[in-house]
Each structure stands twice: as structure tokens, then as C-alpha cells.
Amino acid sequence: MLRWVALILLLLLIGLQLKLWGRHGGMHEVDALRVAVQKQHDENDRLIQRNEALGADVKDLKNGEQAVEARARSELGLIKPGEVFYQVVEKPAAGSSSPAPATSSSGQ
């Protein structure tokens, strides 16, 4: 009788070890899930930093005229009345060919 109990316990131990080290639900899957969780934490941290920066931009744009003016100048190319706008165009490099003609996006 004791021999049968020991044999059943040994088979149960072998079965559990196979389950533990096997592919489905085993240690390999646990390691893969840990890596996936770490990647998600890193992505969340990056997105939190981006959201904080965007929140600071929104706060500046709501409260400060300087932020609105700086954004209008850099993104829209706006100038104040009485200011003179200078655009510096660099000469093309000696080895490059002539610039390609500009295309119009008016859809004509």
C-alpha cells in the first residue's frame, strides 16, 4: 500500500514539474509576461512625461501672452506691425543639382 502511495506521489510530482517548466502556463510564460509588464511601465512613464509637458504648454497658453506670441511666431511665421521680416536663403552646395520646382497643392 505504501509503495502505491509513493508511486502516485512521484507521478504527481513529475506531472507538476512538467506543468511548471512546460510552455503553456509555465515559467517561460511568466518571464514573457514580466518583460511585457516592464515594457508597459516604461511606455506609461514616457506618456506621463509627455502629458505633463503638454499640460504645462496648455497652462502657459491659457495664462501667458508671451507663450501665445512665441508659438504664433515660430509655427505660423507671424510678425508684429512695424517689424521687418528677413529670410536668409542659403546657397545650394556646389555638388548638388538645381533645386526641384515647387509643386502646388491647390488641386488644379
Protein backbone atom coordinates (compact mmCIF):
# COMPACT_ATOMS: atom_id res chain seq x y z
CA MET A 1 0.00 0.00 0.00
CA LEU A 2 2.77 2.42 0.94
CA ARG A 3 4.52 1.64 -2.33
CA TRP A 4 1.43 2.67 -4.35
CA VAL A 5 1.09 5.96 -2.44
CA ALA A 6 4.78 6.74 -3.06
CA LEU A 7 4.38 5.90 -6.76
CA ILE A 8 1.28 8.12 -7.08
CA LEU A 9 3.06 10.97 -5.29
CA LEU A 10 6.11 10.56 -7.54
CA LEU A 11 3.93 10.66 -10.69
CA LEU A 12 2.12 13.70 -9.34
CA LEU A 13 5.46 15.42 -8.69
CA ILE A 14 6.64 14.66 -12.24
CA GLY A 15 3.38 15.96 -13.68
CA LEU A 16 3.63 19.20 -11.69
CA GLN A 17 7.23 19.69 -12.79
CA LEU A 18 6.23 19.23 -16.42
CA LYS A 19 3.46 21.80 -15.97
CA LEU A 20 5.87 24.21 -14.25
CA TRP A 21 8.58 24.03 -16.91
CA GLY A 22 6.30 23.49 -19.91
CA ARG A 23 5.29 26.19 -22.36
CA HIS A 24 1.64 26.74 -21.52
CA GLY A 25 1.32 28.48 -18.15
CA GLY A 26 4.87 27.69 -17.11
CA MET A 27 7.96 29.67 -16.27
CA HIS A 28 8.53 30.76 -19.89
CA GLU A 29 5.15 32.43 -19.97
CA VAL A 30 5.77 34.09 -16.61
CA ASP A 31 9.07 35.52 -17.87
CA ALA A 32 7.42 36.77 -21.07
CA LEU A 33 4.68 38.45 -19.05
CA ARG A 34 7.25 40.12 -16.78
CA VAL A 35 9.03 41.56 -19.81
CA ALA A 36 5.71 42.77 -21.26
CA VAL A 37 4.76 44.42 -17.96
CA GLN A 38 8.13 46.18 -17.76
CA LYS A 39 7.76 47.49 -21.33
CA GLN A 40 4.28 48.77 -20.50
CA HIS A 41 5.59 50.52 -17.37
CA ASP A 42 8.30 52.21 -19.45
CA GLU A 43 5.75 53.30 -22.06
CA ASN A 44 3.44 54.62 -19.34
CA ASP A 45 6.28 56.63 -17.79
CA ARG A 46 7.12 58.13 -21.18
CA LEU A 47 3.49 59.05 -21.79
CA ILE A 48 3.16 60.58 -18.32
CA GLN A 49 6.16 62.83 -19.02
CA ARG A 50 4.68 63.83 -22.38
CA ASN A 51 1.32 64.60 -20.78
CA GLU A 52 2.98 66.73 -18.11
CA ALA A 53 4.83 68.70 -20.78
CA LEU A 54 1.64 69.19 -22.78
CA GLY A 55 -0.20 70.24 -19.60
CA ALA A 56 2.49 72.85 -18.93
CA ASP A 57 2.12 74.13 -22.51
CA VAL A 58 -1.64 74.40 -22.10
CA LYS A 59 -1.22 76.27 -18.81
CA ASP A 60 1.26 78.68 -20.44
CA LEU A 61 -1.03 79.27 -23.40
CA LYS A 62 -4.02 79.94 -21.14
CA ASN A 63 -2.22 82.28 -18.76
CA GLY A 64 0.60 83.94 -20.66
CA GLU A 65 0.56 86.18 -23.69
CA GLN A 66 4.24 85.53 -24.31
CA ALA A 67 3.65 81.83 -24.92
CA VAL A 68 0.92 82.55 -27.46
CA GLU A 69 3.12 85.12 -29.21
CA ALA A 70 6.15 82.78 -29.27
CA ARG A 71 4.07 79.94 -30.72
CA ALA A 72 2.50 82.22 -33.35
CA ARG A 73 5.94 83.46 -34.39
CA SER A 74 7.58 80.03 -34.59
CA GLU A 75 4.73 77.95 -36.02
CA LEU A 76 2.78 80.48 -38.08
CA GLY A 77 5.52 82.94 -39.04
CA LEU A 78 3.59 85.95 -37.74
CA ILE A 79 5.25 89.32 -37.15
CA LYS A 80 4.15 92.41 -35.25
CA PRO A 81 3.17 95.61 -37.03
CA GLY A 82 6.25 97.74 -37.65
CA GLU A 83 8.66 94.78 -37.59
CA VAL A 84 10.71 93.88 -40.63
CA PHE A 85 10.94 90.23 -41.66
CA TYR A 86 14.20 88.95 -43.10
CA GLN A 87 14.52 85.49 -44.61
CA VAL A 88 18.01 84.11 -45.15
CA VAL A 89 18.29 81.64 -48.02
CA GLU A 90 21.48 79.61 -48.13
CA LYS A 91 23.19 78.89 -51.43
CA PRO A 92 22.96 75.26 -52.57
CA ALA A 93 26.07 73.13 -52.14
CA ALA A 94 28.48 73.06 -55.11
CA GLY A 95 27.94 69.34 -55.85
CA SER A 96 24.14 69.40 -55.75
CA SER A 97 21.94 69.93 -58.78
CA SER A 98 19.47 72.77 -59.15
CA PRO A 99 16.50 72.67 -56.76
CA ALA A 100 13.39 70.82 -57.93
CA PRO A 101 10.47 73.03 -58.96
CA ALA A 102 7.93 73.63 -56.22
CA THR A 103 4.61 71.89 -56.65
CA SER A 104 1.30 73.47 -55.84
CA SER A 105 -1.16 71.73 -53.55
CA SER A 106 -4.17 73.72 -54.77
CA GLY A 107 -5.51 70.73 -56.70
CA GLN A 108 -5.76 72.41 -60.10
